[in-house]
Amino acid sequence: MPKPVLIHCAQGHGRTGLVAAAVLIVSGEAQTAADAIAIIQAVRPGVELNKAQRMILEQI
């Protein structure tokens, strides 16, 4: 059984969200960047990716 992983940076709103969303997409838990962000925001509403971060995520 996989163990939980903690991802954290200074504010936990941008870079943390980007990495967590990328993990969701790569693992198949989310199909799109929008889906991944929605999953994360459901448990951490303050996560907000900037334009550059969204562009990176959409290339995965």
N, C-alpha and C. Protein backbone atom coordinates (compact mmCIF):
# COMPACT_ATOMS: atom_id res chain seq x y z
N MET A 1 0.84 -1.17 0.00
CA MET A 1 0.00 0.00 0.00
C MET A 1 0.89 1.25 0.00
N PRO A 2 0.63 2.20 -0.91
CA PRO A 2 1.43 3.42 -0.94
C PRO A 2 1.26 4.24 0.34
N LYS A 3 2.33 4.87 0.73
CA LYS A 3 2.29 5.72 1.92
C LYS A 3 2.05 7.16 1.52
N PRO A 4 1.44 7.96 2.37
CA PRO A 4 1.22 9.38 2.07
C PRO A 4 2.53 10.13 1.87
N VAL A 5 2.49 11.13 1.03
CA VAL A 5 3.65 11.97 0.78
C VAL A 5 3.25 13.41 1.07
N LEU A 6 4.12 14.13 1.77
CA LEU A 6 3.88 15.53 2.08
C LEU A 6 4.68 16.39 1.10
N ILE A 7 4.00 17.31 0.42
CA ILE A 7 4.65 18.26 -0.49
C ILE A 7 4.41 19.64 0.09
N HIS A 8 5.50 20.40 0.28
CA HIS A 8 5.34 21.70 0.91
C HIS A 8 6.38 22.69 0.42
N CYS A 9 5.98 23.93 0.24
CA CYS A 9 6.90 25.03 -0.03
C CYS A 9 6.46 26.22 0.81
N ALA A 10 7.02 27.37 0.58
CA ALA A 10 6.81 28.54 1.44
C ALA A 10 5.35 28.81 1.78
N GLN A 11 4.52 29.06 0.81
CA GLN A 11 3.11 29.37 1.05
C GLN A 11 2.18 28.18 0.81
N GLY A 12 2.60 27.24 0.00
CA GLY A 12 1.77 26.07 -0.27
C GLY A 12 0.62 26.35 -1.22
N HIS A 13 0.73 27.39 -2.04
CA HIS A 13 -0.37 27.74 -2.93
C HIS A 13 -0.05 27.54 -4.41
N GLY A 14 1.18 27.69 -4.80
CA GLY A 14 1.54 27.63 -6.21
C GLY A 14 2.38 26.42 -6.56
N ARG A 15 3.64 26.46 -6.14
CA ARG A 15 4.55 25.35 -6.47
C ARG A 15 4.07 24.02 -5.90
N THR A 16 3.59 24.06 -4.69
CA THR A 16 3.07 22.83 -4.09
C THR A 16 1.89 22.29 -4.91
N GLY A 17 0.99 23.18 -5.30
CA GLY A 17 -0.14 22.77 -6.12
C GLY A 17 0.29 22.23 -7.46
N LEU A 18 1.30 22.84 -8.05
CA LEU A 18 1.81 22.38 -9.34
C LEU A 18 2.35 20.96 -9.23
N VAL A 19 3.18 20.71 -8.24
CA VAL A 19 3.77 19.38 -8.08
C VAL A 19 2.68 18.36 -7.75
N ALA A 20 1.78 18.70 -6.86
CA ALA A 20 0.70 17.76 -6.51
C ALA A 20 -0.18 17.46 -7.72
N ALA A 21 -0.51 18.48 -8.51
CA ALA A 21 -1.33 18.27 -9.70
C ALA A 21 -0.61 17.41 -10.72
N ALA A 22 0.69 17.64 -10.89
CA ALA A 22 1.48 16.82 -11.81
C ALA A 22 1.46 15.35 -11.39
N VAL A 23 1.60 15.11 -10.09
CA VAL A 23 1.56 13.74 -9.58
C VAL A 23 0.20 13.11 -9.87
N LEU A 24 -0.87 13.85 -9.67
CA LEU A 24 -2.21 13.32 -9.95
C LEU A 24 -2.38 12.95 -11.41
N ILE A 25 -1.85 13.76 -12.30
CA ILE A 25 -1.97 13.48 -13.74
C ILE A 25 -1.11 12.27 -14.13
N VAL A 26 0.15 12.28 -13.71
CA VAL A 26 1.06 11.19 -14.08
C VAL A 26 0.59 9.84 -13.52
N SER A 27 0.00 9.88 -12.34
CA SER A 27 -0.47 8.63 -11.72
C SER A 27 -1.81 8.16 -12.28
N GLY A 28 -2.46 9.00 -13.09
CA GLY A 28 -3.75 8.63 -13.66
C GLY A 28 -4.94 8.98 -12.78
N GLU A 29 -4.70 9.63 -11.65
CA GLU A 29 -5.80 10.03 -10.76
C GLU A 29 -6.59 11.19 -11.33
N ALA A 30 -5.97 11.97 -12.22
CA ALA A 30 -6.66 13.08 -12.89
C ALA A 30 -6.33 13.00 -14.38
N GLN A 31 -7.29 13.35 -15.21
CA GLN A 31 -7.09 13.26 -16.66
C GLN A 31 -6.55 14.55 -17.25
N THR A 32 -6.91 15.68 -16.66
CA THR A 32 -6.52 16.98 -17.19
C THR A 32 -5.97 17.86 -16.08
N ALA A 33 -5.34 18.96 -16.49
CA ALA A 33 -4.84 19.93 -15.51
C ALA A 33 -6.00 20.49 -14.69
N ALA A 34 -7.09 20.81 -15.35
CA ALA A 34 -8.26 21.35 -14.64
C ALA A 34 -8.80 20.35 -13.62
N ASP A 35 -8.85 19.08 -13.99
CA ASP A 35 -9.31 18.05 -13.06
C ASP A 35 -8.39 17.96 -11.84
N ALA A 36 -7.09 17.98 -12.09
CA ALA A 36 -6.12 17.86 -11.00
C ALA A 36 -6.24 19.05 -10.05
N ILE A 37 -6.36 20.24 -10.60
CA ILE A 37 -6.48 21.44 -9.76
C ILE A 37 -7.77 21.38 -8.94
N ALA A 38 -8.84 20.93 -9.54
CA ALA A 38 -10.12 20.82 -8.82
C ALA A 38 -10.02 19.84 -7.65
N ILE A 39 -9.34 18.72 -7.88
CA ILE A 39 -9.16 17.73 -6.81
C ILE A 39 -8.40 18.36 -5.64
N ILE A 40 -7.33 19.08 -5.97
CA ILE A 40 -6.51 19.69 -4.93
C ILE A 40 -7.28 20.79 -4.20
N GLN A 41 -7.98 21.63 -4.96
CA GLN A 41 -8.72 22.73 -4.34
C GLN A 41 -9.87 22.24 -3.48
N ALA A 42 -10.35 21.03 -3.73
CA ALA A 42 -11.42 20.48 -2.88
C ALA A 42 -10.94 20.26 -1.45
N VAL A 43 -9.63 19.99 -1.29
CA VAL A 43 -9.09 19.77 0.05
C VAL A 43 -8.22 20.93 0.53
N ARG A 44 -7.78 21.77 -0.40
CA ARG A 44 -6.97 22.95 -0.04
C ARG A 44 -7.40 24.11 -0.95
N PRO A 45 -8.48 24.79 -0.60
CA PRO A 45 -9.06 25.83 -1.45
C PRO A 45 -8.11 26.98 -1.79
N GLY A 46 -7.09 27.22 -1.00
CA GLY A 46 -6.18 28.33 -1.24
C GLY A 46 -5.19 28.10 -2.37
N VAL A 47 -5.13 26.87 -2.89
CA VAL A 47 -4.19 26.59 -3.98
C VAL A 47 -4.66 27.30 -5.24
N GLU A 48 -3.74 28.08 -5.82
CA GLU A 48 -4.05 28.81 -7.05
C GLU A 48 -2.78 28.88 -7.89
N LEU A 49 -2.78 28.21 -9.03
CA LEU A 49 -1.63 28.23 -9.91
C LEU A 49 -1.65 29.47 -10.78
N ASN A 50 -0.46 30.05 -11.02
CA ASN A 50 -0.40 31.20 -11.91
C ASN A 50 -0.39 30.72 -13.37
N LYS A 51 -0.38 31.64 -14.29
CA LYS A 51 -0.48 31.30 -15.71
C LYS A 51 0.67 30.39 -16.15
N ALA A 52 1.88 30.71 -15.75
CA ALA A 52 3.05 29.91 -16.13
C ALA A 52 2.96 28.49 -15.57
N GLN A 53 2.51 28.37 -14.32
CA GLN A 53 2.37 27.06 -13.71
C GLN A 53 1.30 26.23 -14.41
N ARG A 54 0.20 26.85 -14.78
CA ARG A 54 -0.86 26.14 -15.51
C ARG A 54 -0.36 25.67 -16.88
N MET A 55 0.43 26.51 -17.54
CA MET A 55 0.96 26.14 -18.85
C MET A 55 1.88 24.92 -18.74
N ILE A 56 2.71 24.90 -17.70
CA ILE A 56 3.59 23.74 -17.47
C ILE A 56 2.76 22.50 -17.23
N LEU A 57 1.75 22.62 -16.40
CA LEU A 57 0.91 21.48 -16.05
C LEU A 57 0.17 20.94 -17.28
N GLU A 58 -0.27 21.82 -18.15
CA GLU A 58 -1.01 21.38 -19.34
C GLU A 58 -0.12 20.67 -20.36
N GLN A 59 1.18 20.75 -20.21
CA GLN A 59 2.10 20.07 -21.12
C GLN A 59 2.41 18.65 -20.69
N ILE A 60 1.94 18.26 -19.52
CA ILE A 60 2.21 16.90 -19.00
C ILE A 60 1.31 15.91 -19.69
